[in-house]
Amino acid sequence: MAMKIDAELCTACGDCEPVCPTSAISPKRGVYVINAATCTECEGAHDMPQCLNACMTDGCINPLDL
């Protein structure tokens, strides 16, 4: 599974990028995106996705619906 950033809610603050242990988060066209191929939802490294802890915008980061 992977996480996804809602582009309409992302404020491009960048708080999520440095906390990602797999470097799956990067800026793209003025907002941040999560590479689903490298996102592990922090399994094995943390109890929950670290981007969720870092993001101050409710509902901005959610599990990716495949």
PDB file of N, CA and C in Angstrom:
ATOM      1  N   MET A   1       0.849  -1.177   0.000  1.00  0.00           N
ATOM      2  CA  MET A   1       0.000   0.000   0.000  1.00  0.00           C
ATOM      3  C   MET A   1       0.888   1.231   0.000  1.00  0.00           C
ATOM      4  N   ALA A   2       0.322   2.355  -0.338  1.00  0.00           N
ATOM      5  CA  ALA A   2       1.062   3.621  -0.375  1.00  0.00           C
ATOM      6  C   ALA A   2       0.146   4.758   0.052  1.00  0.00           C
ATOM      7  N   MET A   3       0.753   5.875   0.326  1.00  0.00           N
ATOM      8  CA  MET A   3       0.007   7.077   0.692  1.00  0.00           C
ATOM      9  C   MET A   3      -0.077   7.994  -0.525  1.00  0.00           C
ATOM     10  N   LYS A   4      -1.014   8.943  -0.478  1.00  0.00           N
ATOM     11  CA  LYS A   4      -1.199   9.905  -1.568  1.00  0.00           C
ATOM     12  C   LYS A   4      -1.478  11.273  -0.977  1.00  0.00           C
ATOM     13  N   ILE A   5      -0.926  12.307  -1.598  1.00  0.00           N
ATOM     14  CA  ILE A   5      -1.166  13.686  -1.190  1.00  0.00           C
ATOM     15  C   ILE A   5      -2.237  14.281  -2.103  1.00  0.00           C
ATOM     16  N   ASP A   6      -3.257  14.876  -1.511  1.00  0.00           N
ATOM     17  CA  ASP A   6      -4.312  15.552  -2.262  1.00  0.00           C
ATOM     18  C   ASP A   6      -3.769  16.897  -2.727  1.00  0.00           C
ATOM     19  N   ALA A   7      -3.565  17.058  -4.018  1.00  0.00           N
ATOM     20  CA  ALA A   7      -2.975  18.273  -4.583  1.00  0.00           C
ATOM     21  C   ALA A   7      -3.795  19.519  -4.276  1.00  0.00           C
ATOM     22  N   GLU A   8      -5.099  19.364  -4.134  1.00  0.00           N
ATOM     23  CA  GLU A   8      -5.953  20.522  -3.840  1.00  0.00           C
ATOM     24  C   GLU A   8      -5.808  20.992  -2.399  1.00  0.00           C
ATOM     25  N   LEU A   9      -5.375  20.101  -1.509  1.00  0.00           N
ATOM     26  CA  LEU A   9      -5.221  20.468  -0.102  1.00  0.00           C
ATOM     27  C   LEU A   9      -3.771  20.782   0.274  1.00  0.00           C
ATOM     28  N   CYS A  10      -2.830  20.338  -0.539  1.00  0.00           N
ATOM     29  CA  CYS A  10      -1.406  20.535  -0.241  1.00  0.00           C
ATOM     30  C   CYS A  10      -1.053  22.018  -0.299  1.00  0.00           C
ATOM     31  N   THR A  11      -0.405  22.501   0.769  1.00  0.00           N
ATOM     32  CA  THR A  11       0.020  23.900   0.827  1.00  0.00           C
ATOM     33  C   THR A  11       1.469  24.069   0.403  1.00  0.00           C
ATOM     34  N   ALA A  12       2.116  22.983   0.011  1.00  0.00           N
ATOM     35  CA  ALA A  12       3.519  22.977  -0.431  1.00  0.00           C
ATOM     36  C   ALA A  12       4.467  23.474   0.655  1.00  0.00           C
ATOM     37  N   CYS A  13       4.131  23.188   1.907  1.00  0.00           N
ATOM     38  CA  CYS A  13       4.994  23.618   3.017  1.00  0.00           C
ATOM     39  C   CYS A  13       6.294  22.821   3.057  1.00  0.00           C
ATOM     40  N   GLY A  14       6.262  21.569   2.582  1.00  0.00           N
ATOM     41  CA  GLY A  14       7.452  20.744   2.541  1.00  0.00           C
ATOM     42  C   GLY A  14       7.761  19.993   3.818  1.00  0.00           C
ATOM     43  N   ASP A  15       6.897  20.066   4.825  1.00  0.00           N
ATOM     44  CA  ASP A  15       7.155  19.388   6.091  1.00  0.00           C
ATOM     45  C   ASP A  15       7.211  17.869   5.950  1.00  0.00           C
ATOM     46  N   CYS A  16       6.502  17.323   4.994  1.00  0.00           N
ATOM     47  CA  CYS A  16       6.436  15.871   4.828  1.00  0.00           C
ATOM     48  C   CYS A  16       7.687  15.279   4.173  1.00  0.00           C
ATOM     49  N   GLU A  17       8.318  16.020   3.302  1.00  0.00           N
ATOM     50  CA  GLU A  17       9.443  15.483   2.528  1.00  0.00           C
ATOM     51  C   GLU A  17      10.605  14.971   3.378  1.00  0.00           C
ATOM     52  N   PRO A  18      11.120  15.729   4.335  1.00  0.00           N
ATOM     53  CA  PRO A  18      12.291  15.244   5.075  1.00  0.00           C
ATOM     54  C   PRO A  18      12.017  14.100   6.059  1.00  0.00           C
ATOM     55  N   VAL A  19      10.758  13.866   6.407  1.00  0.00           N
ATOM     56  CA  VAL A  19      10.458  12.798   7.372  1.00  0.00           C
ATOM     57  C   VAL A  19      10.213  11.448   6.705  1.00  0.00           C
ATOM     58  N   CYS A  20      10.155  11.401   5.401  1.00  0.00           N
ATOM     59  CA  CYS A  20       9.889  10.156   4.680  1.00  0.00           C
ATOM     60  C   CYS A  20      11.146   9.280   4.664  1.00  0.00           C
ATOM     61  N   PRO A  21      11.093   8.092   5.289  1.00  0.00           N
ATOM     62  CA  PRO A  21      12.281   7.241   5.348  1.00  0.00           C
ATOM     63  C   PRO A  21      12.667   6.607   4.011  1.00  0.00           C
ATOM     64  N   THR A  22      11.761   6.610   3.035  1.00  0.00           N
ATOM     65  CA  THR A  22      12.080   6.026   1.735  1.00  0.00           C
ATOM     66  C   THR A  22      12.296   7.081   0.650  1.00  0.00           C
ATOM     67  N   SER A  23      12.289   8.348   1.038  1.00  0.00           N
ATOM     68  CA  SER A  23      12.454   9.465   0.083  1.00  0.00           C
ATOM     69  C   SER A  23      11.429   9.395  -1.047  1.00  0.00           C
ATOM     70  N   ALA A  24      10.215   8.981  -0.714  1.00  0.00           N
ATOM     71  CA  ALA A  24       9.155   8.839  -1.711  1.00  0.00           C
ATOM     72  C   ALA A  24       8.423  10.150  -1.992  1.00  0.00           C
ATOM     73  N   ILE A  25       8.684  11.199  -1.200  1.00  0.00           N
ATOM     74  CA  ILE A  25       7.974  12.467  -1.349  1.00  0.00           C
ATOM     75  C   ILE A  25       8.872  13.484  -2.028  1.00  0.00           C
ATOM     76  N   SER A  26       8.315  14.168  -3.044  1.00  0.00           N
ATOM     77  CA  SER A  26       9.085  15.184  -3.756  1.00  0.00           C
ATOM     78  C   SER A  26       8.149  16.269  -4.287  1.00  0.00           C
ATOM     79  N   PRO A  27       8.700  17.463  -4.549  1.00  0.00           N
ATOM     80  CA  PRO A  27       7.869  18.533  -5.105  1.00  0.00           C
ATOM     81  C   PRO A  27       7.594  18.291  -6.592  1.00  0.00           C
ATOM     82  N   LYS A  28       6.394  18.691  -7.012  1.00  0.00           N
ATOM     83  CA  LYS A  28       6.026  18.583  -8.421  1.00  0.00           C
ATOM     84  C   LYS A  28       4.943  19.605  -8.727  1.00  0.00           C
ATOM     85  N   ARG A  29       5.238  20.514  -9.607  1.00  0.00           N
ATOM     86  CA  ARG A  29       4.278  21.532 -10.059  1.00  0.00           C
ATOM     87  C   ARG A  29       3.650  22.318  -8.918  1.00  0.00           C
ATOM     88  N   GLY A  30       4.464  22.717  -7.961  1.00  0.00           N
ATOM     89  CA  GLY A  30       3.995  23.587  -6.888  1.00  0.00           C
ATOM     90  C   GLY A  30       3.378  22.903  -5.685  1.00  0.00           C
ATOM     91  N   VAL A  31       3.280  21.580  -5.697  1.00  0.00           N
ATOM     92  CA  VAL A  31       2.785  20.814  -4.557  1.00  0.00           C
ATOM     93  C   VAL A  31       3.708  19.615  -4.359  1.00  0.00           C
ATOM     94  N   TYR A  32       3.415  18.795  -3.367  1.00  0.00           N
ATOM     95  CA  TYR A  32       4.218  17.602  -3.129  1.00  0.00           C
ATOM     96  C   TYR A  32       3.446  16.367  -3.556  1.00  0.00           C
ATOM     97  N   VAL A  33       4.177  15.359  -4.019  1.00  0.00           N
ATOM     98  CA  VAL A  33       3.587  14.095  -4.455  1.00  0.00           C
ATOM     99  C   VAL A  33       4.344  12.947  -3.790  1.00  0.00           C
ATOM    100  N   ILE A  34       3.674  11.806  -3.690  1.00  0.00           N
ATOM    101  CA  ILE A  34       4.288  10.605  -3.131  1.00  0.00           C
ATOM    102  C   ILE A  34       4.399   9.563  -4.230  1.00  0.00           C
ATOM    103  N   ASN A  35       5.602   9.039  -4.413  1.00  0.00           N
ATOM    104  CA  ASN A  35       5.842   7.988  -5.385  1.00  0.00           C
ATOM    105  C   ASN A  35       5.326   6.674  -4.794  1.00  0.00           C
ATOM    106  N   ALA A  36       4.244   6.150  -5.353  1.00  0.00           N
ATOM    107  CA  ALA A  36       3.615   4.933  -4.830  1.00  0.00           C
ATOM    108  C   ALA A  36       4.529   3.720  -4.948  1.00  0.00           C
ATOM    109  N   ALA A  37       5.462   3.742  -5.871  1.00  0.00           N
ATOM    110  CA  ALA A  37       6.370   2.610  -6.058  1.00  0.00           C
ATOM    111  C   ALA A  37       7.381   2.484  -4.922  1.00  0.00           C
ATOM    112  N   THR A  38       7.672   3.590  -4.242  1.00  0.00           N
ATOM    113  CA  THR A  38       8.665   3.545  -3.164  1.00  0.00           C
ATOM    114  C   THR A  38       8.067   3.774  -1.778  1.00  0.00           C
ATOM    115  N   CYS A  39       6.819   4.228  -1.701  1.00  0.00           N
ATOM    116  CA  CYS A  39       6.169   4.451  -0.403  1.00  0.00           C
ATOM    117  C   CYS A  39       5.803   3.115   0.235  1.00  0.00           C
ATOM    118  N   THR A  40       6.189   2.949   1.484  1.00  0.00           N
ATOM    119  CA  THR A  40       5.884   1.718   2.228  1.00  0.00           C
ATOM    120  C   THR A  40       4.941   1.981   3.394  1.00  0.00           C
ATOM    121  N   GLU A  41       4.411   3.196   3.485  1.00  0.00           N
ATOM    122  CA  GLU A  41       3.622   3.650   4.637  1.00  0.00           C
ATOM    123  C   GLU A  41       4.448   3.506   5.919  1.00  0.00           C
ATOM    124  N   CYS A  42       5.752   3.560   5.772  1.00  0.00           N
ATOM    125  CA  CYS A  42       6.721   3.498   6.874  1.00  0.00           C
ATOM    126  C   CYS A  42       6.720   2.161   7.605  1.00  0.00           C
ATOM    127  N   GLU A  43       6.145   1.129   6.989  1.00  0.00           N
ATOM    128  CA  GLU A  43       6.140  -0.197   7.610  1.00  0.00           C
ATOM    129  C   GLU A  43       7.571  -0.666   7.833  1.00  0.00           C
ATOM    130  N   GLY A  44       7.818  -1.181   9.015  1.00  0.00           N
ATOM    131  CA  GLY A  44       9.144  -1.654   9.362  1.00  0.00           C
ATOM    132  C   GLY A  44      10.032  -0.589   9.969  1.00  0.00           C
ATOM    133  N   ALA A  45       9.698   0.673   9.738  1.00  0.00           N
ATOM    134  CA  ALA A  45      10.496   1.772  10.285  1.00  0.00           C
ATOM    135  C   ALA A  45       9.749   2.513  11.397  1.00  0.00           C
ATOM    136  N   HIS A  46       8.425   2.647  11.254  1.00  0.00           N
ATOM    137  CA  HIS A  46       7.604   3.393  12.205  1.00  0.00           C
ATOM    138  C   HIS A  46       6.233   2.735  12.328  1.00  0.00           C
ATOM    139  N   ASP A  47       5.506   3.081  13.381  1.00  0.00           N
ATOM    140  CA  ASP A  47       4.171   2.528  13.616  1.00  0.00           C
ATOM    141  C   ASP A  47       3.119   3.089  12.662  1.00  0.00           C
ATOM    142  N   MET A  48       3.345   4.297  12.156  1.00  0.00           N
ATOM    143  CA  MET A  48       2.401   4.915  11.229  1.00  0.00           C
ATOM    144  C   MET A  48       3.165   5.781  10.244  1.00  0.00           C
ATOM    145  N   PRO A  49       2.555   6.134   9.104  1.00  0.00           N
ATOM    146  CA  PRO A  49       3.240   6.972   8.133  1.00  0.00           C
ATOM    147  C   PRO A  49       3.685   8.304   8.752  1.00  0.00           C
ATOM    148  N   GLN A  50       4.946   8.601   8.617  1.00  0.00           N
ATOM    149  CA  GLN A  50       5.495   9.814   9.211  1.00  0.00           C
ATOM    150  C   GLN A  50       4.987  11.081   8.544  1.00  0.00           C
ATOM    151  N   CYS A  51       4.593  10.995   7.287  1.00  0.00           N
ATOM    152  CA  CYS A  51       4.057  12.162   6.600  1.00  0.00           C
ATOM    153  C   CYS A  51       2.752  12.627   7.250  1.00  0.00           C
ATOM    154  N   LEU A  52       1.971  11.671   7.777  1.00  0.00           N
ATOM    155  CA  LEU A  52       0.735  12.039   8.469  1.00  0.00           C
ATOM    156  C   LEU A  52       1.018  12.855   9.711  1.00  0.00           C
ATOM    157  N   ASN A  53       2.074  12.497  10.442  1.00  0.00           N
ATOM    158  CA  ASN A  53       2.451  13.251  11.639  1.00  0.00           C
ATOM    159  C   ASN A  53       2.952  14.645  11.293  1.00  0.00           C
ATOM    160  N   ALA A  54       3.620  14.783  10.157  1.00  0.00           N
ATOM    161  CA  ALA A  54       4.222  16.058   9.777  1.00  0.00           C
ATOM    162  C   ALA A  54       3.227  17.035   9.146  1.00  0.00           C
ATOM    163  N   CYS A  55       2.226  16.512   8.457  1.00  0.00           N
ATOM    164  CA  CYS A  55       1.284  17.368   7.719  1.00  0.00           C
ATOM    165  C   CYS A  55       0.290  18.039   8.666  1.00  0.00           C
ATOM    166  N   MET A  56       0.170  19.339   8.559  1.00  0.00           N
ATOM    167  CA  MET A  56      -0.744  20.103   9.407  1.00  0.00           C
ATOM    168  C   MET A  56      -2.122  20.311   8.768  1.00  0.00           C
ATOM    169  N   THR A  57      -2.303  19.856   7.527  1.00  0.00           N
ATOM    170  CA  THR A  57      -3.573  20.029   6.833  1.00  0.00           C
ATOM    171  C   THR A  57      -4.382  18.745   6.917  1.00  0.00           C
ATOM    172  N   ASP A  58      -5.503  18.789   7.614  1.00  0.00           N
ATOM    173  CA  ASP A  58      -6.356  17.612   7.774  1.00  0.00           C
ATOM    174  C   ASP A  58      -6.833  17.097   6.418  1.00  0.00           C
ATOM    175  N   GLY A  59      -6.712  15.790   6.226  1.00  0.00           N
ATOM    176  CA  GLY A  59      -7.201  15.159   5.011  1.00  0.00           C
ATOM    177  C   GLY A  59      -6.307  15.295   3.804  1.00  0.00           C
ATOM    178  N   CYS A  60      -5.166  15.911   3.944  1.00  0.00           N
ATOM    179  CA  CYS A  60      -4.277  16.117   2.801  1.00  0.00           C
ATOM    180  C   CYS A  60      -3.594  14.831   2.371  1.00  0.00           C
ATOM    181  N   ILE A  61      -3.211  13.993   3.331  1.00  0.00           N
ATOM    182  CA  ILE A  61      -2.520  12.741   3.018  1.00  0.00           C
ATOM    183  C   ILE A  61      -3.378  11.561   3.440  1.00  0.00           C
ATOM    184  N   ASN A  62      -3.614  10.664   2.494  1.00  0.00           N
ATOM    185  CA  ASN A  62      -4.488   9.513   2.709  1.00  0.00           C
ATOM    186  C   ASN A  62      -3.914   8.287   2.030  1.00  0.00           C
ATOM    187  N   PRO A  63      -4.396   7.082   2.396  1.00  0.00           N
ATOM    188  CA  PRO A  63      -3.974   5.888   1.685  1.00  0.00           C
ATOM    189  C   PRO A  63      -4.398   5.964   0.211  1.00  0.00           C
ATOM    190  N   LEU A  64      -3.540   5.474  -0.657  1.00  0.00           N
ATOM    191  CA  LEU A  64      -3.809   5.463  -2.084  1.00  0.00           C
ATOM    192  C   LEU A  64      -4.842   4.385  -2.393  1.00  0.00           C
ATOM    193  N   ASP A  65      -5.884   4.750  -3.108  1.00  0.00           N
ATOM    194  CA  ASP A  65      -6.897   3.790  -3.542  1.00  0.00           C
ATOM    195  C   ASP A  65      -6.414   3.166  -4.849  1.00  0.00           C
ATOM    196  N   LEU A  66      -6.128   1.895  -4.791  1.00  0.00           N
ATOM    197  CA  LEU A  66      -5.620   1.227  -6.008  1.00  0.00           C
ATOM    198  C   LEU A  66      -6.716   0.649  -6.836  1.00  0.00           C
TER     199      LEU A  66
END
